[in-house]
Amino acid sequence: MDTFLPALLLLSGASFIHSRSNVPELRPGSEGADLAWKWLSQLAFFLWVGLLIWGCFMRPWTTVAVGLGLSLLFNVFLAIRGPRPVWPGLSMAMGAAGIGLGVFTLLG
């Protein structure tokens, strides 16, 4: 199975959730967890952009366009659902899984 599209979706969703969770009630309780979440989300965003650029050179353009479109649709889905208290944990899990799949895609 190709991991390019799932990696794009997970990375995009993780970064989007972090950018939408700007109230203290939607942030982790400890300062260290909040800082780790921030770094993980930034890494997820930069890897998402990097995968798109890498995909432009290594994949058919239709695959990259579908990945970009699905990423944006997933973000719209998350925005429609609205903020949830589980978002920090979900974002961190999606970020870790997305980074793993993204690195696997780049190295594989």
C-alpha atoms as a PDB file:
ATOM      1  CA  MET A   1       0.000   0.000   0.000  1.00  0.00           C
ATOM      2  CA  ASP A   2       1.181   3.483  -0.796  1.00  0.00           C
ATOM      3  CA  THR A   3       1.694   5.594   2.333  1.00  0.00           C
ATOM      4  CA  PHE A   4       1.914   8.948   0.547  1.00  0.00           C
ATOM      5  CA  LEU A   5      -1.767   9.924   0.812  1.00  0.00           C
ATOM      6  CA  PRO A   6      -2.362   8.730   4.395  1.00  0.00           C
ATOM      7  CA  ALA A   7       0.787  10.555   5.499  1.00  0.00           C
ATOM      8  CA  LEU A   8      -0.450  13.790   3.906  1.00  0.00           C
ATOM      9  CA  LEU A   9      -3.851  13.476   5.583  1.00  0.00           C
ATOM     10  CA  LEU A  10      -2.460  12.737   9.033  1.00  0.00           C
ATOM     11  CA  LEU A  11       0.164  15.477   8.881  1.00  0.00           C
ATOM     12  CA  SER A  12      -2.317  18.053   7.647  1.00  0.00           C
ATOM     13  CA  GLY A  13      -4.893  17.141  10.287  1.00  0.00           C
ATOM     14  CA  ALA A  14      -2.350  17.245  13.117  1.00  0.00           C
ATOM     15  CA  SER A  15      -1.115  20.678  12.130  1.00  0.00           C
ATOM     16  CA  PHE A  16      -4.636  22.013  11.554  1.00  0.00           C
ATOM     17  CA  ILE A  17      -5.890  20.887  14.960  1.00  0.00           C
ATOM     18  CA  HIS A  18      -2.979  22.605  16.686  1.00  0.00           C
ATOM     19  CA  SER A  19      -3.624  25.842  14.820  1.00  0.00           C
ATOM     20  CA  ARG A  20      -7.313  25.782  15.820  1.00  0.00           C
ATOM     21  CA  SER A  21      -6.736  25.017  19.515  1.00  0.00           C
ATOM     22  CA  ASN A  22      -5.840  28.476  20.733  1.00  0.00           C
ATOM     23  CA  VAL A  23      -7.939  28.618  23.908  1.00  0.00           C
ATOM     24  CA  PRO A  24      -6.472  27.288  27.172  1.00  0.00           C
ATOM     25  CA  GLU A  25      -9.286  24.740  27.575  1.00  0.00           C
ATOM     26  CA  LEU A  26      -8.169  22.974  24.410  1.00  0.00           C
ATOM     27  CA  ARG A  27      -4.465  22.824  25.320  1.00  0.00           C
ATOM     28  CA  PRO A  28      -2.616  20.219  27.380  1.00  0.00           C
ATOM     29  CA  GLY A  29      -2.418  20.881  31.096  1.00  0.00           C
ATOM     30  CA  SER A  30       1.350  20.872  31.455  1.00  0.00           C
ATOM     31  CA  GLU A  31       3.721  23.344  29.859  1.00  0.00           C
ATOM     32  CA  GLY A  32       6.028  20.576  28.657  1.00  0.00           C
ATOM     33  CA  ALA A  33       3.233  18.715  26.880  1.00  0.00           C
ATOM     34  CA  ASP A  34       2.092  21.946  25.251  1.00  0.00           C
ATOM     35  CA  LEU A  35       5.621  22.664  24.029  1.00  0.00           C
ATOM     36  CA  ALA A  36       6.014  19.098  22.715  1.00  0.00           C
ATOM     37  CA  TRP A  37       2.667  19.413  20.928  1.00  0.00           C
ATOM     38  CA  LYS A  38       3.775  22.695  19.350  1.00  0.00           C
ATOM     39  CA  TRP A  39       7.024  21.164  18.052  1.00  0.00           C
ATOM     40  CA  LEU A  40       5.265  18.041  16.810  1.00  0.00           C
ATOM     41  CA  SER A  41       2.683  20.146  14.970  1.00  0.00           C
ATOM     42  CA  GLN A  42       5.323  22.344  13.380  1.00  0.00           C
ATOM     43  CA  LEU A  43       7.275  19.289  12.268  1.00  0.00           C
ATOM     44  CA  ALA A  44       4.047  17.816  10.872  1.00  0.00           C
ATOM     45  CA  PHE A  45       3.365  20.980   8.876  1.00  0.00           C
ATOM     46  CA  PHE A  46       6.876  21.209   7.458  1.00  0.00           C
ATOM     47  CA  LEU A  47       6.901  17.508   6.577  1.00  0.00           C
ATOM     48  CA  TRP A  48       3.486  17.947   4.888  1.00  0.00           C
ATOM     49  CA  VAL A  49       4.890  20.759   2.734  1.00  0.00           C
ATOM     50  CA  GLY A  50       8.038  18.738   2.087  1.00  0.00           C
ATOM     51  CA  LEU A  51       6.043  15.684   1.027  1.00  0.00           C
ATOM     52  CA  LEU A  52       4.028  17.797  -1.399  1.00  0.00           C
ATOM     53  CA  ILE A  53       7.200  19.228  -2.931  1.00  0.00           C
ATOM     54  CA  TRP A  54       8.845  15.795  -3.016  1.00  0.00           C
ATOM     55  CA  GLY A  55       5.690  14.379  -4.587  1.00  0.00           C
ATOM     56  CA  CYS A  56       5.813  16.957  -7.380  1.00  0.00           C
ATOM     57  CA  PHE A  57       9.121  15.456  -8.490  1.00  0.00           C
ATOM     58  CA  MET A  58       8.664  11.791  -7.603  1.00  0.00           C
ATOM     59  CA  ARG A  59       4.938  11.094  -8.087  1.00  0.00           C
ATOM     60  CA  PRO A  60       2.440  11.737 -10.863  1.00  0.00           C
ATOM     61  CA  TRP A  61       0.965  15.218 -10.557  1.00  0.00           C
ATOM     62  CA  THR A  62      -2.518  13.732 -10.156  1.00  0.00           C
ATOM     63  CA  THR A  63      -1.467  11.913  -6.992  1.00  0.00           C
ATOM     64  CA  VAL A  64      -0.081  15.133  -5.518  1.00  0.00           C
ATOM     65  CA  ALA A  65      -3.245  17.044  -6.493  1.00  0.00           C
ATOM     66  CA  VAL A  66      -5.459  14.364  -4.931  1.00  0.00           C
ATOM     67  CA  GLY A  67      -3.334  14.419  -1.774  1.00  0.00           C
ATOM     68  CA  LEU A  68      -3.580  18.194  -1.499  1.00  0.00           C
ATOM     69  CA  GLY A  69      -7.320  18.110  -2.126  1.00  0.00           C
ATOM     70  CA  LEU A  70      -7.938  15.348   0.404  1.00  0.00           C
ATOM     71  CA  SER A  71      -5.822  17.164   2.983  1.00  0.00           C
ATOM     72  CA  LEU A  72      -7.871  20.315   2.563  1.00  0.00           C
ATOM     73  CA  LEU A  73     -11.146  18.354   2.702  1.00  0.00           C
ATOM     74  CA  PHE A  74     -10.003  16.634   5.893  1.00  0.00           C
ATOM     75  CA  ASN A  75      -9.257  20.033   7.419  1.00  0.00           C
ATOM     76  CA  VAL A  76     -12.726  21.260   6.401  1.00  0.00           C
ATOM     77  CA  PHE A  77     -14.229  18.163   8.033  1.00  0.00           C
ATOM     78  CA  LEU A  78     -12.348  18.893  11.251  1.00  0.00           C
ATOM     79  CA  ALA A  79     -13.431  22.545  11.159  1.00  0.00           C
ATOM     80  CA  ILE A  80     -17.080  21.579  10.691  1.00  0.00           C
ATOM     81  CA  ARG A  81     -16.919  19.163  13.629  1.00  0.00           C
ATOM     82  CA  GLY A  82     -15.646  21.965  15.815  1.00  0.00           C
ATOM     83  CA  PRO A  83     -13.180  21.938  18.707  1.00  0.00           C
ATOM     84  CA  ARG A  84     -13.241  18.933  21.009  1.00  0.00           C
ATOM     85  CA  PRO A  85     -11.472  18.286  24.335  1.00  0.00           C
ATOM     86  CA  VAL A  86      -9.696  15.242  22.837  1.00  0.00           C
ATOM     87  CA  TRP A  87      -8.028  17.332  20.132  1.00  0.00           C
ATOM     88  CA  PRO A  88      -4.580  17.635  21.745  1.00  0.00           C
ATOM     89  CA  GLY A  89      -4.203  13.876  22.106  1.00  0.00           C
ATOM     90  CA  LEU A  90      -5.698  13.216  18.684  1.00  0.00           C
ATOM     91  CA  SER A  91      -3.400  15.775  17.098  1.00  0.00           C
ATOM     92  CA  MET A  92      -0.309  14.312  18.759  1.00  0.00           C
ATOM     93  CA  ALA A  93      -1.269  10.769  17.729  1.00  0.00           C
ATOM     94  CA  MET A  94      -1.981  11.857  14.158  1.00  0.00           C
ATOM     95  CA  GLY A  95       1.274  13.819  14.065  1.00  0.00           C
ATOM     96  CA  ALA A  96       3.351  10.895  15.292  1.00  0.00           C
ATOM     97  CA  ALA A  97       1.687   8.466  12.878  1.00  0.00           C
ATOM     98  CA  GLY A  98       1.948  10.954  10.009  1.00  0.00           C
ATOM     99  CA  ILE A  99       5.623  11.618  10.669  1.00  0.00           C
ATOM    100  CA  GLY A 100       6.280   7.887  10.755  1.00  0.00           C
ATOM    101  CA  LEU A 101       4.435   7.328   7.481  1.00  0.00           C
ATOM    102  CA  GLY A 102       6.047  10.376   5.898  1.00  0.00           C
ATOM    103  CA  VAL A 103       9.561   9.271   6.768  1.00  0.00           C
ATOM    104  CA  PHE A 104       8.719   5.745   5.587  1.00  0.00           C
ATOM    105  CA  THR A 105       7.472   7.207   2.295  1.00  0.00           C
ATOM    106  CA  LEU A 106      10.597   9.300   1.793  1.00  0.00           C
ATOM    107  CA  LEU A 107      13.005   6.500   2.670  1.00  0.00           C
ATOM    108  CA  GLY A 108      11.083   3.664   1.018  1.00  0.00           C
END
